[in-house]
Amino acid sequence: MANAQINPLFIKMLTGEDAGEFPTISSLPGDYVNTIFKNKKQLAPIHDENQHMLTCKSCGRKGRYDVGTLTVNMEGFKGKPDSQKDIQMTGYFRCKHCNDAGNWELPNTLLLSVTAQALLLLGGSEPHRNITFGKNQLFDGTSHQYPTDAEEHLLQILNENPDDAYIWNRLGNLYQKGNRPELAVCAFEHSIRLDPKQVESHYTLGDMLAQIEELPNAGYHFRQMLLHARDYKKLPAEKLREMIAIGLRALFLIYDHTEGKVSFLPTLEEIEASGQQETQSRNIVDMEMDIFPDDIETFYPLAEMFMGPRSKEIPLRERTFNVPKVTNASVKRKKKKRKRRK
C-alpha cells in the first residue's frame, strides 16, 4: 500500500515526537486537517494535474506522480535542457515506496515535452499552461528543483528558530502550491498557534475552509485577519490591502449565504479578546459605501480602515478611505455661492 508521502521531520518539528519513517495522515496535528483531507477535492487546485511516471533512484521503483507546473531555466538553452536540474517542479511528492524525496530519474517523455515547449517559446508561440520558463525562488531568494528540497531548506531554518510563525506560513504556502492541502493546513494552524497575529495564515485558512463550506470557522479566521491587519508588516501595503479586500468579499458572501448567522465584521467579543478596543475605528457604523461583490475595489475603503496606519503607506492618489466625499450640504453651499455671483 502506498504511503502518505509525509516528511518525518515535518511531524517531529510539529509535535516533538518521532512518527517513524512512514508517517500517516493520523500523525498530522491540527483542528482542520481531517476535514481538509476528506474534502480536498472541493479545493480549487493551484495547478492542473500533471502526472508523469518517475523512477526513484533510492529504491529503483517507479511510480506515477503529479509533478505540477514545470519551470524551465532557459539560460544557455541549446535545444534541450543541459541537465535535469534545469527543470523545477511545483508538485509536492515523495516516493510511494520508500518515502525518499528529491532523488529522481525523469522520463524521456517529460524531457521531450519540455524541449518541444521551449522550442515553441523560442519560435514565438505560447507554451502549454503546465510549463513556464524562468526560475522559482523562495522568499529568501534561494532556488530549489523540487518542493521537497525547498521543504528541507525551510525546516532547517525552523530548526534554528522553531517559533518563527512567518517561516511556518511560508512552509504552508509551499505545501499548498504543491497540492498538499492537508500538510498546508497543519503548517498554517501551527503558525497562528505561535503567533495569533499571523495575518496571512488566517487569510489562507479562511479561504480553504470557505471552499469546503466550513463557513463559521472560515468567518472566524477572516475576521482575525481584519483585527490584526494594522500590525502586520510582512506584506507591502498594496498587497496587504488586496488580501484584506478579498477576505472582506468572502466574509460578505458568507454573511449573505448564512443570512447573517456568520458575522461580516469582527464582533465586540472578538475585538475585546484582541485587545484592540481603542485602535479599532468607531467610524465603521458611519461609513457610507456601495459594495459590489464582483468589484473587489469597492472593498478597498473598508480594507484601508482595518489597515490603520499602514494605509498611509499606499500612495495618496491610490487611497480610497481618506478621499473626501461630497455631501448634500456641500452641494447646497456651492449652489448658494453660484447664486450670489449672479
C-alpha atoms as a PDB file:
ATOM      1  CA  MET A   1       0.000   0.000   0.000  1.00  0.00           C
ATOM      2  CA  ALA A   2       1.323   3.445  -0.964  1.00  0.00           C
ATOM      3  CA  ASN A   3       2.428   5.594   1.961  1.00  0.00           C
ATOM      4  CA  ALA A   4       1.099   9.071   2.770  1.00  0.00           C
ATOM      5  CA  GLN A   5       4.205  10.845   1.401  1.00  0.00           C
ATOM      6  CA  ILE A   6       4.886  12.926   4.513  1.00  0.00           C
ATOM      7  CA  ASN A   7       8.296  14.068   5.705  1.00  0.00           C
ATOM      8  CA  PRO A   8       9.005  12.534   9.159  1.00  0.00           C
ATOM      9  CA  LEU A   9      10.977  15.654  10.086  1.00  0.00           C
ATOM     10  CA  PHE A  10       7.862  17.783   9.493  1.00  0.00           C
ATOM     11  CA  ILE A  11       5.920  15.729  12.032  1.00  0.00           C
ATOM     12  CA  LYS A  12       8.745  15.866  14.553  1.00  0.00           C
ATOM     13  CA  MET A  13       9.020  19.652  14.200  1.00  0.00           C
ATOM     14  CA  LEU A  14       5.270  19.970  14.785  1.00  0.00           C
ATOM     15  CA  THR A  15       4.812  17.524  17.643  1.00  0.00           C
ATOM     16  CA  GLY A  16       8.263  16.808  19.067  1.00  0.00           C
ATOM     17  CA  GLU A  17       7.583  13.104  18.572  1.00  0.00           C
ATOM     18  CA  ASP A  18       9.064  10.532  16.205  1.00  0.00           C
ATOM     19  CA  ALA A  19       6.384   9.303  13.774  1.00  0.00           C
ATOM     20  CA  GLY A  20       8.633   6.697  12.101  1.00  0.00           C
ATOM     21  CA  GLU A  21       9.823   6.540   8.513  1.00  0.00           C
ATOM     22  CA  PHE A  22       6.315   6.388   7.057  1.00  0.00           C
ATOM     23  CA  PRO A  23       4.046   8.888   8.867  1.00  0.00           C
ATOM     24  CA  THR A  24       0.321   8.623   8.181  1.00  0.00           C
ATOM     25  CA  ILE A  25      -2.388  11.266   7.930  1.00  0.00           C
ATOM     26  CA  SER A  26      -3.324  10.469  11.528  1.00  0.00           C
ATOM     27  CA  SER A  27       0.129  11.763  12.547  1.00  0.00           C
ATOM     28  CA  LEU A  28      -0.775  15.278  11.403  1.00  0.00           C
ATOM     29  CA  PRO A  29      -1.882  17.567  14.269  1.00  0.00           C
ATOM     30  CA  GLY A  30      -4.465  20.332  13.998  1.00  0.00           C
ATOM     31  CA  ASP A  31      -8.180  21.077  14.220  1.00  0.00           C
ATOM     32  CA  TYR A  32      -8.848  21.104  10.494  1.00  0.00           C
ATOM     33  CA  VAL A  33      -6.529  18.512   8.954  1.00  0.00           C
ATOM     34  CA  ASN A  34      -9.029  15.638   8.795  1.00  0.00           C
ATOM     35  CA  THR A  35     -11.804  17.847   7.416  1.00  0.00           C
ATOM     36  CA  ILE A  36      -9.498  19.311   4.776  1.00  0.00           C
ATOM     37  CA  PHE A  37      -8.150  15.889   3.813  1.00  0.00           C
ATOM     38  CA  LYS A  38     -11.630  14.366   3.452  1.00  0.00           C
ATOM     39  CA  ASN A  39     -12.844  17.293   1.346  1.00  0.00           C
ATOM     40  CA  LYS A  40      -9.663  18.126  -0.572  1.00  0.00           C
ATOM     41  CA  LYS A  41     -11.381  17.537  -3.934  1.00  0.00           C
ATOM     42  CA  GLN A  42     -13.571  20.563  -3.198  1.00  0.00           C
ATOM     43  CA  LEU A  43     -10.496  22.801  -3.024  1.00  0.00           C
ATOM     44  CA  ALA A  44      -9.522  24.627  -6.178  1.00  0.00           C
ATOM     45  CA  PRO A  45      -6.185  23.133  -7.322  1.00  0.00           C
ATOM     46  CA  ILE A  46      -3.271  25.532  -7.503  1.00  0.00           C
ATOM     47  CA  HIS A  47      -2.139  23.853 -10.723  1.00  0.00           C
ATOM     48  CA  ASP A  48      -3.662  21.463 -13.234  1.00  0.00           C
ATOM     49  CA  GLU A  49      -2.929  17.798 -12.666  1.00  0.00           C
ATOM     50  CA  ASN A  50       0.262  16.843 -14.484  1.00  0.00           C
ATOM     51  CA  GLN A  51       1.015  13.139 -13.999  1.00  0.00           C
ATOM     52  CA  HIS A  52       4.319  11.587 -15.047  1.00  0.00           C
ATOM     53  CA  MET A  53       5.980   8.222 -14.398  1.00  0.00           C
ATOM     54  CA  LEU A  54       9.178   8.808 -12.395  1.00  0.00           C
ATOM     55  CA  THR A  55      11.815   6.420 -11.091  1.00  0.00           C
ATOM     56  CA  CYS A  56      13.120   6.787  -7.550  1.00  0.00           C
ATOM     57  CA  LYS A  57      16.898   6.375  -7.620  1.00  0.00           C
ATOM     58  CA  SER A  58      16.936   5.491  -3.922  1.00  0.00           C
ATOM     59  CA  CYS A  59      14.883   2.304  -4.228  1.00  0.00           C
ATOM     60  CA  GLY A  60      14.743   1.848  -8.019  1.00  0.00           C
ATOM     61  CA  ARG A  61      10.947   1.645  -8.160  1.00  0.00           C
ATOM     62  CA  LYS A  62       8.682   3.565 -10.500  1.00  0.00           C
ATOM     63  CA  GLY A  63       5.510   5.460  -9.700  1.00  0.00           C
ATOM     64  CA  ARG A  64       3.115   7.985 -11.190  1.00  0.00           C
ATOM     65  CA  TYR A  65       3.296  11.420  -9.582  1.00  0.00           C
ATOM     66  CA  ASP A  66       1.661  14.812 -10.035  1.00  0.00           C
ATOM     67  CA  VAL A  67       4.692  16.996 -10.770  1.00  0.00           C
ATOM     68  CA  GLY A  68       2.647  20.208 -11.015  1.00  0.00           C
ATOM     69  CA  THR A  69       3.855  23.099 -13.133  1.00  0.00           C
ATOM     70  CA  LEU A  70       7.280  22.646 -14.706  1.00  0.00           C
ATOM     71  CA  THR A  71       9.564  25.678 -14.725  1.00  0.00           C
ATOM     72  CA  VAL A  72      12.486  25.563 -17.136  1.00  0.00           C
ATOM     73  CA  ASN A  73      15.632  27.653 -16.747  1.00  0.00           C
ATOM     74  CA  MET A  74      16.326  28.911 -20.268  1.00  0.00           C
ATOM     75  CA  GLU A  75      19.832  30.248 -19.523  1.00  0.00           C
ATOM     76  CA  GLY A  76      22.168  28.613 -22.007  1.00  0.00           C
ATOM     77  CA  PHE A  77      19.329  26.662 -23.616  1.00  0.00           C
ATOM     78  CA  LYS A  78      20.536  24.874 -26.801  1.00  0.00           C
ATOM     79  CA  GLY A  79      17.612  22.799 -27.968  1.00  0.00           C
ATOM     80  CA  LYS A  80      17.260  20.785 -24.775  1.00  0.00           C
ATOM     81  CA  PRO A  81      17.822  21.335 -21.048  1.00  0.00           C
ATOM     82  CA  ASP A  82      21.520  20.936 -20.219  1.00  0.00           C
ATOM     83  CA  SER A  83      20.538  18.624 -17.382  1.00  0.00           C
ATOM     84  CA  GLN A  84      17.522  17.505 -15.429  1.00  0.00           C
ATOM     85  CA  LYS A  85      18.399  20.174 -12.897  1.00  0.00           C
ATOM     86  CA  ASP A  86      17.221  22.819 -15.372  1.00  0.00           C
ATOM     87  CA  ILE A  87      13.640  21.699 -14.623  1.00  0.00           C
ATOM     88  CA  GLN A  88      11.871  22.745 -11.419  1.00  0.00           C
ATOM     89  CA  MET A  89       8.520  21.391 -10.226  1.00  0.00           C
ATOM     90  CA  THR A  90       5.744  22.737  -8.006  1.00  0.00           C
ATOM     91  CA  GLY A  91       4.011  19.434  -7.133  1.00  0.00           C
ATOM     92  CA  TYR A  92       4.919  18.044  -3.703  1.00  0.00           C
ATOM     93  CA  PHE A  93       5.559  14.299  -3.791  1.00  0.00           C
ATOM     94  CA  ARG A  94       7.753  11.672  -2.157  1.00  0.00           C
ATOM     95  CA  CYS A  95       8.468   8.104  -3.225  1.00  0.00           C
ATOM     96  CA  LYS A  96       5.349   5.972  -2.707  1.00  0.00           C
ATOM     97  CA  HIS A  97       7.537   3.016  -1.779  1.00  0.00           C
ATOM     98  CA  CYS A  98      10.484   4.263   0.316  1.00  0.00           C
ATOM     99  CA  ASN A  99       9.295   7.817   1.172  1.00  0.00           C
ATOM    100  CA  ASP A 100      12.574   9.328  -0.036  1.00  0.00           C
ATOM    101  CA  ALA A 101      12.446  12.603  -1.950  1.00  0.00           C
ATOM    102  CA  GLY A 102      14.438  14.688  -4.412  1.00  0.00           C
ATOM    103  CA  ASN A 103      16.300  11.761  -5.970  1.00  0.00           C
ATOM    104  CA  TRP A 104      14.519  11.121  -9.248  1.00  0.00           C
ATOM    105  CA  GLU A 105      15.216   9.913 -12.756  1.00  0.00           C
ATOM    106  CA  LEU A 106      12.992  11.903 -15.077  1.00  0.00           C
ATOM    107  CA  PRO A 107      11.452  10.064 -18.044  1.00  0.00           C
ATOM    108  CA  ASN A 108      12.365  10.901 -21.639  1.00  0.00           C
ATOM    109  CA  THR A 109       8.708  11.751 -22.313  1.00  0.00           C
ATOM    110  CA  LEU A 110       8.878  14.607 -19.808  1.00  0.00           C
ATOM    111  CA  LEU A 111      12.202  15.873 -21.164  1.00  0.00           C
ATOM    112  CA  LEU A 112      10.926  15.747 -24.747  1.00  0.00           C
ATOM    113  CA  SER A 113       7.771  17.612 -23.756  1.00  0.00           C
ATOM    114  CA  VAL A 114       9.824  20.349 -22.110  1.00  0.00           C
ATOM    115  CA  THR A 115      12.101  20.597 -25.149  1.00  0.00           C
ATOM    116  CA  ALA A 116       9.149  20.887 -27.525  1.00  0.00           C
ATOM    117  CA  GLN A 117       7.548  23.624 -25.427  1.00  0.00           C
ATOM    118  CA  ALA A 118      10.847  25.508 -25.171  1.00  0.00           C
ATOM    119  CA  LEU A 119      11.186  25.463 -28.967  1.00  0.00           C
ATOM    120  CA  LEU A 120       7.638  26.796 -29.255  1.00  0.00           C
ATOM    121  CA  LEU A 121       8.551  29.639 -26.935  1.00  0.00           C
ATOM    122  CA  LEU A 122      11.667  30.467 -28.924  1.00  0.00           C
ATOM    123  CA  GLY A 123       9.513  30.461 -32.047  1.00  0.00           C
ATOM    124  CA  GLY A 124       7.129  32.993 -30.557  1.00  0.00           C
ATOM    125  CA  SER A 125       4.298  30.616 -29.619  1.00  0.00           C
ATOM    126  CA  GLU A 126       2.700  30.184 -26.205  1.00  0.00           C
ATOM    127  CA  PRO A 127       3.797  27.038 -24.320  1.00  0.00           C
ATOM    128  CA  HIS A 128       1.399  24.672 -22.527  1.00  0.00           C
ATOM    129  CA  ARG A 129      -0.020  26.076 -19.262  1.00  0.00           C
ATOM    130  CA  ASN A 130       1.758  23.346 -17.255  1.00  0.00           C
ATOM    131  CA  ILE A 131       5.145  24.623 -18.407  1.00  0.00           C
ATOM    132  CA  THR A 132       6.680  28.012 -17.616  1.00  0.00           C
ATOM    133  CA  PHE A 133      10.130  29.461 -18.150  1.00  0.00           C
ATOM    134  CA  GLY A 134      12.314  31.236 -15.631  1.00  0.00           C
ATOM    135  CA  LYS A 135      13.352  30.331 -12.093  1.00  0.00           C
ATOM    136  CA  ASN A 136      11.274  29.592  -8.990  1.00  0.00           C
ATOM    137  CA  GLN A 137      12.594  31.187  -5.794  1.00  0.00           C
ATOM    138  CA  LEU A 138      11.600  31.215  -2.145  1.00  0.00           C
ATOM    139  CA  PHE A 139      11.129  34.401  -0.141  1.00  0.00           C
ATOM    140  CA  ASP A 140      14.836  34.416   0.768  1.00  0.00           C
ATOM    141  CA  GLY A 141      16.000  34.182  -2.865  1.00  0.00           C
ATOM    142  CA  THR A 142      17.032  30.520  -2.734  1.00  0.00           C
ATOM    143  CA  SER A 143      16.049  28.262  -5.628  1.00  0.00           C
ATOM    144  CA  HIS A 144      15.275  24.535  -5.432  1.00  0.00           C
ATOM    145  CA  GLN A 145      14.466  21.879  -8.005  1.00  0.00           C
ATOM    146  CA  TYR A 146      11.783  20.032  -6.051  1.00  0.00           C
ATOM    147  CA  PRO A 147       9.370  21.312  -3.374  1.00  0.00           C
ATOM    148  CA  THR A 148      10.814  18.634  -1.077  1.00  0.00           C
ATOM    149  CA  ASP A 149      14.216  20.327  -1.455  1.00  0.00           C
ATOM    150  CA  ALA A 150      12.631  23.673  -0.552  1.00  0.00           C
ATOM    151  CA  GLU A 151      10.856  21.981   2.360  1.00  0.00           C
ATOM    152  CA  GLU A 152      14.167  20.746   3.761  1.00  0.00           C
ATOM    153  CA  HIS A 153      15.587  24.260   3.454  1.00  0.00           C
ATOM    154  CA  LEU A 154      12.673  25.788   5.395  1.00  0.00           C
ATOM    155  CA  LEU A 155      12.751  23.049   8.038  1.00  0.00           C
ATOM    156  CA  GLN A 156      16.450  23.731   8.603  1.00  0.00           C
ATOM    157  CA  ILE A 157      15.623  27.410   9.169  1.00  0.00           C
ATOM    158  CA  LEU A 158      12.901  26.359  11.606  1.00  0.00           C
ATOM    159  CA  ASN A 159      15.320  24.058  13.371  1.00  0.00           C
ATOM    160  CA  GLU A 160      17.295  27.192  14.306  1.00  0.00           C
ATOM    161  CA  ASN A 161      14.173  29.210  15.161  1.00  0.00           C
ATOM    162  CA  PRO A 162      11.170  26.895  15.649  1.00  0.00           C
ATOM    163  CA  ASP A 163       8.896  29.720  16.854  1.00  0.00           C
ATOM    164  CA  ASP A 164       9.129  31.753  13.645  1.00  0.00           C
ATOM    165  CA  ALA A 165       5.456  31.895  12.600  1.00  0.00           C
ATOM    166  CA  TYR A 166       6.302  33.584   9.295  1.00  0.00           C
ATOM    167  CA  ILE A 167       8.527  30.697   8.166  1.00  0.00           C
ATOM    168  CA  TRP A 168       5.787  28.237   9.132  1.00  0.00           C
ATOM    169  CA  ASN A 169       3.464  30.262   6.915  1.00  0.00           C
ATOM    170  CA  ARG A 170       5.963  30.051   4.029  1.00  0.00           C
ATOM    171  CA  LEU A 171       6.137  26.286   4.548  1.00  0.00           C
ATOM    172  CA  GLY A 172       2.344  26.126   4.418  1.00  0.00           C
ATOM    173  CA  ASN A 173       2.392  28.075   1.150  1.00  0.00           C
ATOM    174  CA  LEU A 174       4.875  25.577  -0.293  1.00  0.00           C
ATOM    175  CA  TYR A 175       2.600  22.641   0.549  1.00  0.00           C
ATOM    176  CA  GLN A 176      -0.470  24.452  -0.727  1.00  0.00           C
ATOM    177  CA  LYS A 177       1.170  25.209  -4.081  1.00  0.00           C
ATOM    178  CA  GLY A 178       2.258  21.581  -4.175  1.00  0.00           C
ATOM    179  CA  ASN A 179      -1.409  20.470  -3.989  1.00  0.00           C
ATOM    180  CA  ARG A 180      -0.980  19.017  -0.494  1.00  0.00           C
ATOM    181  CA  PRO A 181      -3.628  20.961   1.467  1.00  0.00           C
ATOM    182  CA  GLU A 182      -3.594  18.512   4.388  1.00  0.00           C
ATOM    183  CA  LEU A 183       0.063  19.387   5.000  1.00  0.00           C
ATOM    184  CA  ALA A 184      -0.531  23.075   4.366  1.00  0.00           C
ATOM    185  CA  VAL A 185      -3.330  23.402   6.909  1.00  0.00           C
ATOM    186  CA  CYS A 186      -1.091  21.882   9.631  1.00  0.00           C
ATOM    187  CA  ALA A 187       1.617  24.458   8.964  1.00  0.00           C
ATOM    188  CA  PHE A 188      -0.875  27.350   8.890  1.00  0.00           C
ATOM    189  CA  GLU A 189      -2.545  26.267  12.130  1.00  0.00           C
ATOM    190  CA  HIS A 190       0.831  25.884  13.811  1.00  0.00           C
ATOM    191  CA  SER A 191       1.875  29.356  12.680  1.00  0.00           C
ATOM    192  CA  ILE A 192      -1.145  31.004  14.345  1.00  0.00           C
ATOM    193  CA  ARG A 193      -0.630  28.948  17.499  1.00  0.00           C
ATOM    194  CA  LEU A 194       2.813  30.543  17.652  1.00  0.00           C
ATOM    195  CA  ASP A 195       1.547  33.981  16.620  1.00  0.00           C
ATOM    196  CA  PRO A 196      -2.220  34.672  16.659  1.00  0.00           C
ATOM    197  CA  LYS A 197      -1.480  37.802  14.602  1.00  0.00           C
ATOM    198  CA  GLN A 198      -0.134  35.841  11.606  1.00  0.00           C
ATOM    199  CA  VAL A 199      -2.480  37.528   9.141  1.00  0.00           C
ATOM    200  CA  GLU A 200      -1.511  35.554   6.030  1.00  0.00           C
ATOM    201  CA  SER A 201      -2.180  32.234   7.756  1.00  0.00           C
ATOM    202  CA  HIS A 202      -5.594  33.430   8.958  1.00  0.00           C
ATOM    203  CA  TYR A 203      -6.422  34.522   5.421  1.00  0.00           C
ATOM    204  CA  THR A 204      -5.446  31.218   3.807  1.00  0.00           C
ATOM    205  CA  LEU A 205      -7.175  29.136   6.475  1.00  0.00           C
ATOM    206  CA  GLY A 206     -10.317  31.207   5.913  1.00  0.00           C
ATOM    207  CA  ASP A 207     -10.100  30.666   2.171  1.00  0.00           C
ATOM    208  CA  MET A 208      -9.552  26.897   2.454  1.00  0.00           C
ATOM    209  CA  LEU A 209     -12.371  26.458   4.974  1.00  0.00           C
ATOM    210  CA  ALA A 210     -14.755  28.579   2.891  1.00  0.00           C
ATOM    211  CA  GLN A 211     -14.118  26.371  -0.131  1.00  0.00           C
ATOM    212  CA  ILE A 212     -15.212  23.272   1.777  1.00  0.00           C
ATOM    213  CA  GLU A 213     -18.180  25.199   3.267  1.00  0.00           C
ATOM    214  CA  GLU A 214     -16.916  25.243   6.853  1.00  0.00           C
ATOM    215  CA  LEU A 215     -18.360  28.745   6.995  1.00  0.00           C
ATOM    216  CA  PRO A 216     -18.358  29.613  10.729  1.00  0.00           C
ATOM    217  CA  ASN A 217     -14.671  28.669  11.038  1.00  0.00           C
ATOM    218  CA  ALA A 218     -13.840  30.418   7.761  1.00  0.00           C
ATOM    219  CA  GLY A 219     -15.551  33.571   9.012  1.00  0.00           C
ATOM    220  CA  TYR A 220     -13.620  33.439  12.272  1.00  0.00           C
ATOM    221  CA  HIS A 221     -10.232  33.367  10.514  1.00  0.00           C
ATOM    222  CA  PHE A 222     -11.164  36.103   8.053  1.00  0.00           C
ATOM    223  CA  ARG A 223     -12.256  38.341  10.958  1.00  0.00           C
ATOM    224  CA  GLN A 224      -8.998  37.610  12.805  1.00  0.00           C
ATOM    225  CA  MET A 225      -7.215  38.723   9.641  1.00  0.00           C
ATOM    226  CA  LEU A 226      -9.093  42.043   9.853  1.00  0.00           C
ATOM    227  CA  LEU A 227      -8.345  42.564  13.539  1.00  0.00           C
ATOM    228  CA  HIS A 228      -4.587  42.124  13.188  1.00  0.00           C
ATOM    229  CA  ALA A 229      -4.012  43.687   9.738  1.00  0.00           C
ATOM    230  CA  ARG A 230      -2.890  47.042  11.176  1.00  0.00           C
ATOM    231  CA  ASP A 231       0.106  45.374  12.886  1.00  0.00           C
ATOM    232  CA  TYR A 232       1.191  43.124  10.017  1.00  0.00           C
ATOM    233  CA  LYS A 233       4.482  44.208   8.411  1.00  0.00           C
ATOM    234  CA  LYS A 234       5.379  41.229   6.226  1.00  0.00           C
ATOM    235  CA  LEU A 235       3.470  42.413   3.130  1.00  0.00           C
ATOM    236  CA  PRO A 236       3.736  45.664   1.145  1.00  0.00           C
ATOM    237  CA  ALA A 237       0.762  47.911   1.883  1.00  0.00           C
ATOM    238  CA  GLU A 238      -0.915  47.494  -1.505  1.00  0.00           C
ATOM    239  CA  LYS A 239      -0.671  43.692  -1.366  1.00  0.00           C
ATOM    240  CA  LEU A 240      -1.992  43.740   2.183  1.00  0.00           C
ATOM    241  CA  ARG A 241      -4.962  45.838   1.062  1.00  0.00           C
ATOM    242  CA  GLU A 242      -5.707  43.440  -1.787  1.00  0.00           C
ATOM    243  CA  MET A 243      -5.629  40.433   0.530  1.00  0.00           C
ATOM    244  CA  ILE A 244      -7.875  42.122   3.091  1.00  0.00           C
ATOM    245  CA  ALA A 245     -10.324  43.200   0.375  1.00  0.00           C
ATOM    246  CA  ILE A 246     -10.565  39.629  -0.931  1.00  0.00           C
ATOM    247  CA  GLY A 247     -11.148  38.426   2.622  1.00  0.00           C
ATOM    248  CA  LEU A 248     -13.853  41.072   3.129  1.00  0.00           C
ATOM    249  CA  ARG A 249     -15.594  39.970  -0.051  1.00  0.00           C
ATOM    250  CA  ALA A 250     -15.523  36.361   1.172  1.00  0.00           C
ATOM    251  CA  LEU A 251     -16.942  37.481   4.530  1.00  0.00           C
ATOM    252  CA  PHE A 252     -19.706  39.428   2.802  1.00  0.00           C
ATOM    253  CA  LEU A 253     -20.671  36.373   0.715  1.00  0.00           C
ATOM    254  CA  ILE A 254     -20.602  34.121   3.796  1.00  0.00           C
ATOM    255  CA  TYR A 255     -22.736  36.637   5.723  1.00  0.00           C
ATOM    256  CA  ASP A 256     -25.224  36.755   2.861  1.00  0.00           C
ATOM    257  CA  HIS A 257     -25.269  32.977   2.368  1.00  0.00           C
ATOM    258  CA  THR A 258     -25.849  32.293   6.078  1.00  0.00           C
ATOM    259  CA  GLU A 259     -28.445  35.089   6.364  1.00  0.00           C
ATOM    260  CA  GLY A 260     -26.324  36.925   8.888  1.00  0.00           C
ATOM    261  CA  LYS A 261     -25.541  33.966  11.136  1.00  0.00           C
ATOM    262  CA  VAL A 262     -21.835  34.409  10.384  1.00  0.00           C
ATOM    263  CA  SER A 263     -20.811  37.978  11.173  1.00  0.00           C
ATOM    264  CA  PHE A 264     -19.459  40.178   8.384  1.00  0.00           C
ATOM    265  CA  LEU A 265     -17.265  42.269  10.716  1.00  0.00           C
ATOM    266  CA  PRO A 266     -15.445  41.405  13.966  1.00  0.00           C
ATOM    267  CA  THR A 267     -17.814  41.010  16.882  1.00  0.00           C
ATOM    268  CA  LEU A 268     -17.487  43.038  20.076  1.00  0.00           C
ATOM    269  CA  GLU A 269     -16.248  39.930  21.875  1.00  0.00           C
ATOM    270  CA  GLU A 270     -13.566  39.349  19.221  1.00  0.00           C
ATOM    271  CA  ILE A 271     -12.459  42.983  19.389  1.00  0.00           C
ATOM    272  CA  GLU A 272     -12.202  42.823  23.180  1.00  0.00           C
ATOM    273  CA  ALA A 273     -10.331  39.497  23.049  1.00  0.00           C
ATOM    274  CA  SER A 274      -7.816  41.021  20.626  1.00  0.00           C
ATOM    275  CA  GLY A 275      -7.204  43.948  22.993  1.00  0.00           C
ATOM    276  CA  GLN A 276      -7.899  46.467  20.234  1.00  0.00           C
ATOM    277  CA  GLN A 277     -10.940  48.296  21.589  1.00  0.00           C
ATOM    278  CA  GLU A 278      -9.104  51.612  21.377  1.00  0.00           C
ATOM    279  CA  THR A 279      -7.465  51.117  17.981  1.00  0.00           C
ATOM    280  CA  GLN A 280     -10.452  49.823  16.023  1.00  0.00           C
ATOM    281  CA  SER A 281     -12.146  52.731  14.320  1.00  0.00           C
ATOM    282  CA  ARG A 282     -15.510  53.866  15.622  1.00  0.00           C
ATOM    283  CA  ASN A 283     -16.415  55.113  12.148  1.00  0.00           C
ATOM    284  CA  ILE A 284     -17.470  51.705  10.798  1.00  0.00           C
ATOM    285  CA  VAL A 285     -21.098  52.317  11.579  1.00  0.00           C
ATOM    286  CA  ASP A 286     -20.937  55.782   9.982  1.00  0.00           C
ATOM    287  CA  MET A 287     -19.264  54.683   6.747  1.00  0.00           C
ATOM    288  CA  GLU A 288     -21.274  55.072   3.585  1.00  0.00           C
ATOM    289  CA  MET A 289     -20.126  52.797   0.789  1.00  0.00           C
ATOM    290  CA  ASP A 290     -21.514  50.773  -2.041  1.00  0.00           C
ATOM    291  CA  ILE A 291     -20.292  47.169  -2.029  1.00  0.00           C
ATOM    292  CA  PHE A 292     -20.372  45.069  -5.181  1.00  0.00           C
ATOM    293  CA  PRO A 293     -19.010  41.518  -4.760  1.00  0.00           C
ATOM    294  CA  ASP A 294     -17.938  41.436  -8.412  1.00  0.00           C
ATOM    295  CA  ASP A 295     -15.808  44.554  -7.936  1.00  0.00           C
ATOM    296  CA  ILE A 296     -13.051  43.938  -5.395  1.00  0.00           C
ATOM    297  CA  GLU A 297     -12.093  47.626  -5.326  1.00  0.00           C
ATOM    298  CA  THR A 298     -15.396  48.523  -3.648  1.00  0.00           C
ATOM    299  CA  PHE A 299     -13.976  46.783  -0.550  1.00  0.00           C
ATOM    300  CA  TYR A 300     -10.806  48.924  -0.566  1.00  0.00           C
ATOM    301  CA  PRO A 301     -12.092  51.711   1.742  1.00  0.00           C
ATOM    302  CA  LEU A 302     -13.046  49.223   4.453  1.00  0.00           C
ATOM    303  CA  ALA A 303      -9.790  47.322   3.919  1.00  0.00           C
ATOM    304  CA  GLU A 304      -7.789  50.529   4.386  1.00  0.00           C
ATOM    305  CA  MET A 305      -9.719  51.305   7.562  1.00  0.00           C
ATOM    306  CA  PHE A 306      -8.668  47.980   9.078  1.00  0.00           C
ATOM    307  CA  MET A 307      -5.081  48.613   7.960  1.00  0.00           C
ATOM    308  CA  GLY A 308      -4.886  51.630  10.275  1.00  0.00           C
ATOM    309  CA  PRO A 309      -1.548  53.486   9.957  1.00  0.00           C
ATOM    310  CA  ARG A 310      -0.347  51.064   7.285  1.00  0.00           C
ATOM    311  CA  SER A 311      -2.848  52.550   4.820  1.00  0.00           C
ATOM    312  CA  LYS A 312      -0.686  55.703   4.836  1.00  0.00           C
ATOM    313  CA  GLU A 313       1.983  53.659   3.004  1.00  0.00           C
ATOM    314  CA  ILE A 314      -0.290  53.463  -0.040  1.00  0.00           C
ATOM    315  CA  PRO A 315       0.393  56.363  -2.466  1.00  0.00           C
ATOM    316  CA  LEU A 316      -2.060  59.179  -1.744  1.00  0.00           C
ATOM    317  CA  ARG A 317      -3.576  59.104  -5.232  1.00  0.00           C
ATOM    318  CA  GLU A 318      -4.404  55.400  -4.806  1.00  0.00           C
ATOM    319  CA  ARG A 319      -6.003  55.581  -1.361  1.00  0.00           C
ATOM    320  CA  THR A 320      -9.763  55.296  -1.096  1.00  0.00           C
ATOM    321  CA  PHE A 321     -10.638  55.599   2.592  1.00  0.00           C
ATOM    322  CA  ASN A 322      -9.466  59.189   3.075  1.00  0.00           C
ATOM    323  CA  VAL A 323     -10.938  60.562  -0.125  1.00  0.00           C
ATOM    324  CA  PRO A 324     -13.409  63.302   0.927  1.00  0.00           C
ATOM    325  CA  LYS A 325     -16.950  62.653  -0.155  1.00  0.00           C
ATOM    326  CA  VAL A 326     -19.274  65.354  -1.434  1.00  0.00           C
ATOM    327  CA  THR A 327     -22.244  65.692   0.915  1.00  0.00           C
ATOM    328  CA  ASN A 328     -25.639  67.229   0.239  1.00  0.00           C
ATOM    329  CA  ALA A 329     -24.708  70.152   2.470  1.00  0.00           C
ATOM    330  CA  SER A 330     -21.605  70.955   0.444  1.00  0.00           C
ATOM    331  CA  VAL A 331     -23.606  70.779  -2.774  1.00  0.00           C
ATOM    332  CA  LYS A 332     -26.128  73.266  -1.372  1.00  0.00           C
ATOM    333  CA  ARG A 333     -23.324  75.630  -0.329  1.00  0.00           C
ATOM    334  CA  LYS A 334     -21.901  75.523  -3.836  1.00  0.00           C
ATOM    335  CA  LYS A 335     -25.306  76.342  -5.301  1.00  0.00           C
ATOM    336  CA  LYS A 336     -25.703  79.316  -2.936  1.00  0.00           C
ATOM    337  CA  LYS A 337     -22.306  80.665  -3.927  1.00  0.00           C
ATOM    338  CA  ARG A 338     -23.236  80.439  -7.572  1.00  0.00           C
ATOM    339  CA  LYS A 339     -26.433  82.430  -6.929  1.00  0.00           C
ATOM    340  CA  ARG A 340     -24.512  85.214  -5.197  1.00  0.00           C
ATOM    341  CA  ARG A 341     -22.250  85.629  -8.193  1.00  0.00           C
ATOM    342  CA  LYS A 342     -25.236  86.364 -10.461  1.00  0.00           C
END
